[in-house]
Amino acid sequence: MSGRFIFVDRMAYNRNNQIKRLQYIISVYQQYKHSDVPDTHILRIHFPKHHIFISYRQWMNIKGTPVPKPTTEQLSLFN
């Protein structure tokens, strides 16, 4: 690798890492999304600029996934 970070679509070992990845992808999407810009254009042109290489089907799954707010407290289950 030439020092480039590439997102590999794999199951994350840690749920928090997966949530961070989803938040990053959605934040990049929101930067470029306007009413006249289709999702396919963002996937094809803008995502690769940020080293995000996913298919349209993967994007639809990510877009439909509810992203919970990450908790910063330990033992958040017991609060």
N, C-alpha and C. Protein backbone atom coordinates (compact mmCIF):
# COMPACT_ATOMS: atom_id res chain seq x y z
N MET A 1 0.84 -1.19 0.00
CA MET A 1 0.00 0.00 0.00
C MET A 1 0.88 1.24 0.00
N SER A 2 0.43 2.24 -0.66
CA SER A 2 1.20 3.47 -0.74
C SER A 2 0.72 4.49 0.29
N GLY A 3 0.47 4.03 1.52
CA GLY A 3 0.05 4.93 2.57
C GLY A 3 -1.40 5.35 2.48
N ARG A 4 -2.16 4.68 1.63
CA ARG A 4 -3.57 5.02 1.47
C ARG A 4 -4.42 4.14 2.34
N PHE A 5 -5.41 4.72 2.97
CA PHE A 5 -6.35 3.95 3.79
C PHE A 5 -7.57 3.65 2.95
N ILE A 6 -7.92 2.39 2.83
CA ILE A 6 -9.07 1.98 2.03
C ILE A 6 -10.07 1.30 2.94
N PHE A 7 -11.33 1.73 2.85
CA PHE A 7 -12.37 1.07 3.61
C PHE A 7 -12.63 -0.30 3.01
N VAL A 8 -12.54 -1.30 3.81
CA VAL A 8 -12.87 -2.65 3.38
C VAL A 8 -14.18 -3.00 4.05
N ASP A 9 -15.15 -3.41 3.25
CA ASP A 9 -16.46 -3.69 3.80
C ASP A 9 -16.46 -5.06 4.45
N ARG A 10 -16.18 -5.08 5.73
CA ARG A 10 -16.19 -6.30 6.52
C ARG A 10 -16.97 -6.04 7.79
N MET A 11 -17.32 -7.11 8.44
CA MET A 11 -18.01 -6.97 9.71
C MET A 11 -17.02 -6.44 10.74
N ALA A 12 -17.40 -5.40 11.42
CA ALA A 12 -16.52 -4.81 12.43
C ALA A 12 -16.51 -5.69 13.67
N TYR A 13 -15.34 -5.83 14.26
CA TYR A 13 -15.24 -6.61 15.49
C TYR A 13 -15.84 -5.86 16.66
N ASN A 14 -15.71 -4.56 16.65
CA ASN A 14 -16.22 -3.73 17.73
C ASN A 14 -17.36 -2.89 17.18
N ARG A 15 -18.49 -2.93 17.82
CA ARG A 15 -19.68 -2.20 17.35
C ARG A 15 -19.41 -0.70 17.26
N ASN A 16 -18.61 -0.17 18.18
CA ASN A 16 -18.30 1.27 18.14
C ASN A 16 -17.53 1.64 16.88
N ASN A 17 -16.65 0.76 16.40
CA ASN A 17 -15.92 1.03 15.16
C ASN A 17 -16.87 1.06 13.97
N GLN A 18 -17.83 0.17 13.97
CA GLN A 18 -18.80 0.14 12.89
C GLN A 18 -19.66 1.41 12.90
N ILE A 19 -20.04 1.86 14.08
CA ILE A 19 -20.83 3.08 14.19
C ILE A 19 -20.03 4.29 13.70
N LYS A 20 -18.76 4.37 14.06
CA LYS A 20 -17.90 5.47 13.60
C LYS A 20 -17.77 5.45 12.08
N ARG A 21 -17.63 4.27 11.51
CA ARG A 21 -17.51 4.14 10.05
C ARG A 21 -18.79 4.61 9.37
N LEU A 22 -19.94 4.19 9.89
CA LEU A 22 -21.21 4.60 9.31
C LEU A 22 -21.39 6.11 9.42
N GLN A 23 -21.02 6.68 10.56
CA GLN A 23 -21.15 8.13 10.74
C GLN A 23 -20.25 8.88 9.77
N TYR A 24 -19.05 8.36 9.51
CA TYR A 24 -18.14 9.01 8.58
C TYR A 24 -18.72 8.98 7.16
N ILE A 25 -19.22 7.82 6.75
CA ILE A 25 -19.77 7.69 5.40
C ILE A 25 -20.98 8.61 5.24
N ILE A 26 -21.84 8.67 6.23
CA ILE A 26 -23.02 9.52 6.15
C ILE A 26 -22.64 10.99 6.17
N SER A 27 -21.61 11.36 6.92
CA SER A 27 -21.18 12.77 6.93
C SER A 27 -20.62 13.19 5.57
N VAL A 28 -19.88 12.29 4.91
CA VAL A 28 -19.38 12.60 3.56
C VAL A 28 -20.56 12.74 2.60
N TYR A 29 -21.53 11.87 2.73
CA TYR A 29 -22.73 11.93 1.88
C TYR A 29 -23.46 13.26 2.06
N GLN A 30 -23.61 13.70 3.29
CA GLN A 30 -24.34 14.94 3.56
C GLN A 30 -23.60 16.18 3.05
N GLN A 31 -22.30 16.09 2.90
CA GLN A 31 -21.53 17.21 2.34
C GLN A 31 -21.92 17.48 0.89
N TYR A 32 -22.19 16.41 0.14
CA TYR A 32 -22.41 16.53 -1.30
C TYR A 32 -23.87 16.42 -1.71
N LYS A 33 -24.74 16.03 -0.81
CA LYS A 33 -26.13 15.80 -1.18
C LYS A 33 -26.89 17.11 -1.29
N HIS A 34 -27.49 17.31 -2.46
CA HIS A 34 -28.40 18.42 -2.72
C HIS A 34 -29.59 17.82 -3.46
N SER A 35 -30.63 18.58 -3.62
CA SER A 35 -31.84 18.04 -4.23
C SER A 35 -31.63 17.61 -5.68
N ASP A 36 -30.67 18.22 -6.38
CA ASP A 36 -30.46 17.88 -7.78
C ASP A 36 -29.29 16.91 -8.00
N VAL A 37 -28.68 16.39 -6.94
CA VAL A 37 -27.55 15.46 -7.06
C VAL A 37 -28.03 14.06 -6.68
N PRO A 38 -28.01 13.12 -7.63
CA PRO A 38 -28.45 11.76 -7.30
C PRO A 38 -27.41 11.00 -6.47
N ASP A 39 -27.89 10.02 -5.72
CA ASP A 39 -27.00 9.21 -4.89
C ASP A 39 -25.94 8.50 -5.72
N THR A 40 -26.31 8.06 -6.92
CA THR A 40 -25.35 7.33 -7.75
C THR A 40 -24.16 8.21 -8.13
N HIS A 41 -24.40 9.49 -8.33
CA HIS A 41 -23.30 10.42 -8.64
C HIS A 41 -22.36 10.54 -7.45
N ILE A 42 -22.91 10.63 -6.26
CA ILE A 42 -22.09 10.74 -5.05
C ILE A 42 -21.27 9.47 -4.87
N LEU A 43 -21.90 8.31 -5.09
CA LEU A 43 -21.19 7.03 -4.95
C LEU A 43 -20.06 6.91 -5.95
N ARG A 44 -20.31 7.33 -7.18
CA ARG A 44 -19.35 7.13 -8.25
C ARG A 44 -18.23 8.17 -8.26
N ILE A 45 -18.55 9.42 -7.92
CA ILE A 45 -17.58 10.51 -8.06
C ILE A 45 -16.97 10.93 -6.73
N HIS A 46 -17.78 11.17 -5.72
CA HIS A 46 -17.29 11.80 -4.49
C HIS A 46 -16.79 10.81 -3.44
N PHE A 47 -17.44 9.66 -3.29
CA PHE A 47 -16.98 8.70 -2.29
C PHE A 47 -15.55 8.22 -2.56
N PRO A 48 -15.18 7.90 -3.80
CA PRO A 48 -13.78 7.48 -4.03
C PRO A 48 -12.74 8.54 -3.67
N LYS A 49 -13.10 9.81 -3.72
CA LYS A 49 -12.18 10.87 -3.30
C LYS A 49 -11.85 10.76 -1.82
N HIS A 50 -12.77 10.17 -1.05
CA HIS A 50 -12.59 9.99 0.39
C HIS A 50 -12.22 8.54 0.72
N HIS A 51 -11.83 7.79 -0.29
CA HIS A 51 -11.42 6.39 -0.14
C HIS A 51 -12.54 5.52 0.41
N ILE A 52 -13.76 5.79 -0.05
CA ILE A 52 -14.91 4.96 0.30
C ILE A 52 -15.34 4.25 -0.97
N PHE A 53 -15.20 2.95 -1.00
CA PHE A 53 -15.53 2.16 -2.17
C PHE A 53 -16.61 1.16 -1.79
N ILE A 54 -17.86 1.53 -2.01
CA ILE A 54 -18.98 0.65 -1.69
C ILE A 54 -19.93 0.62 -2.88
N SER A 55 -20.72 -0.44 -2.95
CA SER A 55 -21.70 -0.57 -4.02
C SER A 55 -22.96 0.20 -3.66
N TYR A 56 -23.83 0.33 -4.65
CA TYR A 56 -25.11 1.01 -4.41
C TYR A 56 -25.95 0.24 -3.40
N ARG A 57 -25.91 -1.07 -3.47
CA ARG A 57 -26.67 -1.90 -2.53
C ARG A 57 -26.14 -1.71 -1.10
N GLN A 58 -24.81 -1.68 -0.95
CA GLN A 58 -24.24 -1.44 0.38
C GLN A 58 -24.64 -0.06 0.88
N TRP A 59 -24.66 0.93 -0.03
CA TRP A 59 -25.05 2.27 0.38
C TRP A 59 -26.50 2.31 0.85
N MET A 60 -27.39 1.61 0.16
CA MET A 60 -28.80 1.58 0.57
C MET A 60 -28.94 0.94 1.95
N ASN A 61 -28.14 -0.09 2.23
CA ASN A 61 -28.17 -0.70 3.56
C ASN A 61 -27.67 0.27 4.63
N ILE A 62 -26.59 0.99 4.32
CA ILE A 62 -26.04 1.97 5.27
C ILE A 62 -27.02 3.11 5.49
N LYS A 63 -27.61 3.58 4.41
CA LYS A 63 -28.54 4.71 4.49
C LYS A 63 -29.78 4.36 5.31
N GLY A 64 -30.19 3.11 5.27
CA GLY A 64 -31.37 2.68 6.01
C GLY A 64 -31.09 2.24 7.43
N THR A 65 -29.82 2.20 7.81
CA THR A 65 -29.45 1.75 9.15
C THR A 65 -29.57 2.90 10.15
N PRO A 66 -30.33 2.71 11.22
CA PRO A 66 -30.36 3.76 12.24
C PRO A 66 -29.05 3.76 13.02
N VAL A 67 -28.38 4.90 13.04
CA VAL A 67 -27.09 5.01 13.71
C VAL A 67 -27.31 5.57 15.11
N PRO A 68 -27.07 4.76 16.14
CA PRO A 68 -27.26 5.27 17.50
C PRO A 68 -26.15 6.24 17.87
N LYS A 69 -26.45 7.11 18.78
CA LYS A 69 -25.44 8.03 19.30
C LYS A 69 -24.48 7.23 20.18
N PRO A 70 -23.17 7.34 19.95
CA PRO A 70 -22.24 6.59 20.79
C PRO A 70 -22.22 7.13 22.21
N THR A 71 -22.22 6.23 23.17
CA THR A 71 -22.19 6.65 24.57
C THR A 71 -20.75 6.76 25.03
N THR A 72 -20.48 7.77 25.82
CA THR A 72 -19.12 7.98 26.31
C THR A 72 -18.95 7.46 27.72
N GLU A 73 -20.05 7.07 28.34
CA GLU A 73 -19.98 6.60 29.72
C GLU A 73 -19.73 5.09 29.74
N GLN A 74 -18.99 4.66 30.72
CA GLN A 74 -18.81 3.23 30.90
C GLN A 74 -20.08 2.65 31.50
N LEU A 75 -20.32 1.41 31.20
CA LEU A 75 -21.47 0.70 31.73
C LEU A 75 -22.78 1.44 31.46
N SER A 76 -22.94 1.85 30.22
CA SER A 76 -24.13 2.62 29.86
C SER A 76 -25.40 1.78 29.95
N LEU A 77 -25.26 0.46 29.99
CA LEU A 77 -26.43 -0.39 30.12
C LEU A 77 -27.10 -0.24 31.47
N PHE A 78 -26.32 0.15 32.47
CA PHE A 78 -26.84 0.19 33.83
C PHE A 78 -27.30 1.58 34.26
N ASN A 79 -27.32 2.53 33.35
CA ASN A 79 -27.76 3.89 33.70
C ASN A 79 -29.25 4.05 33.53
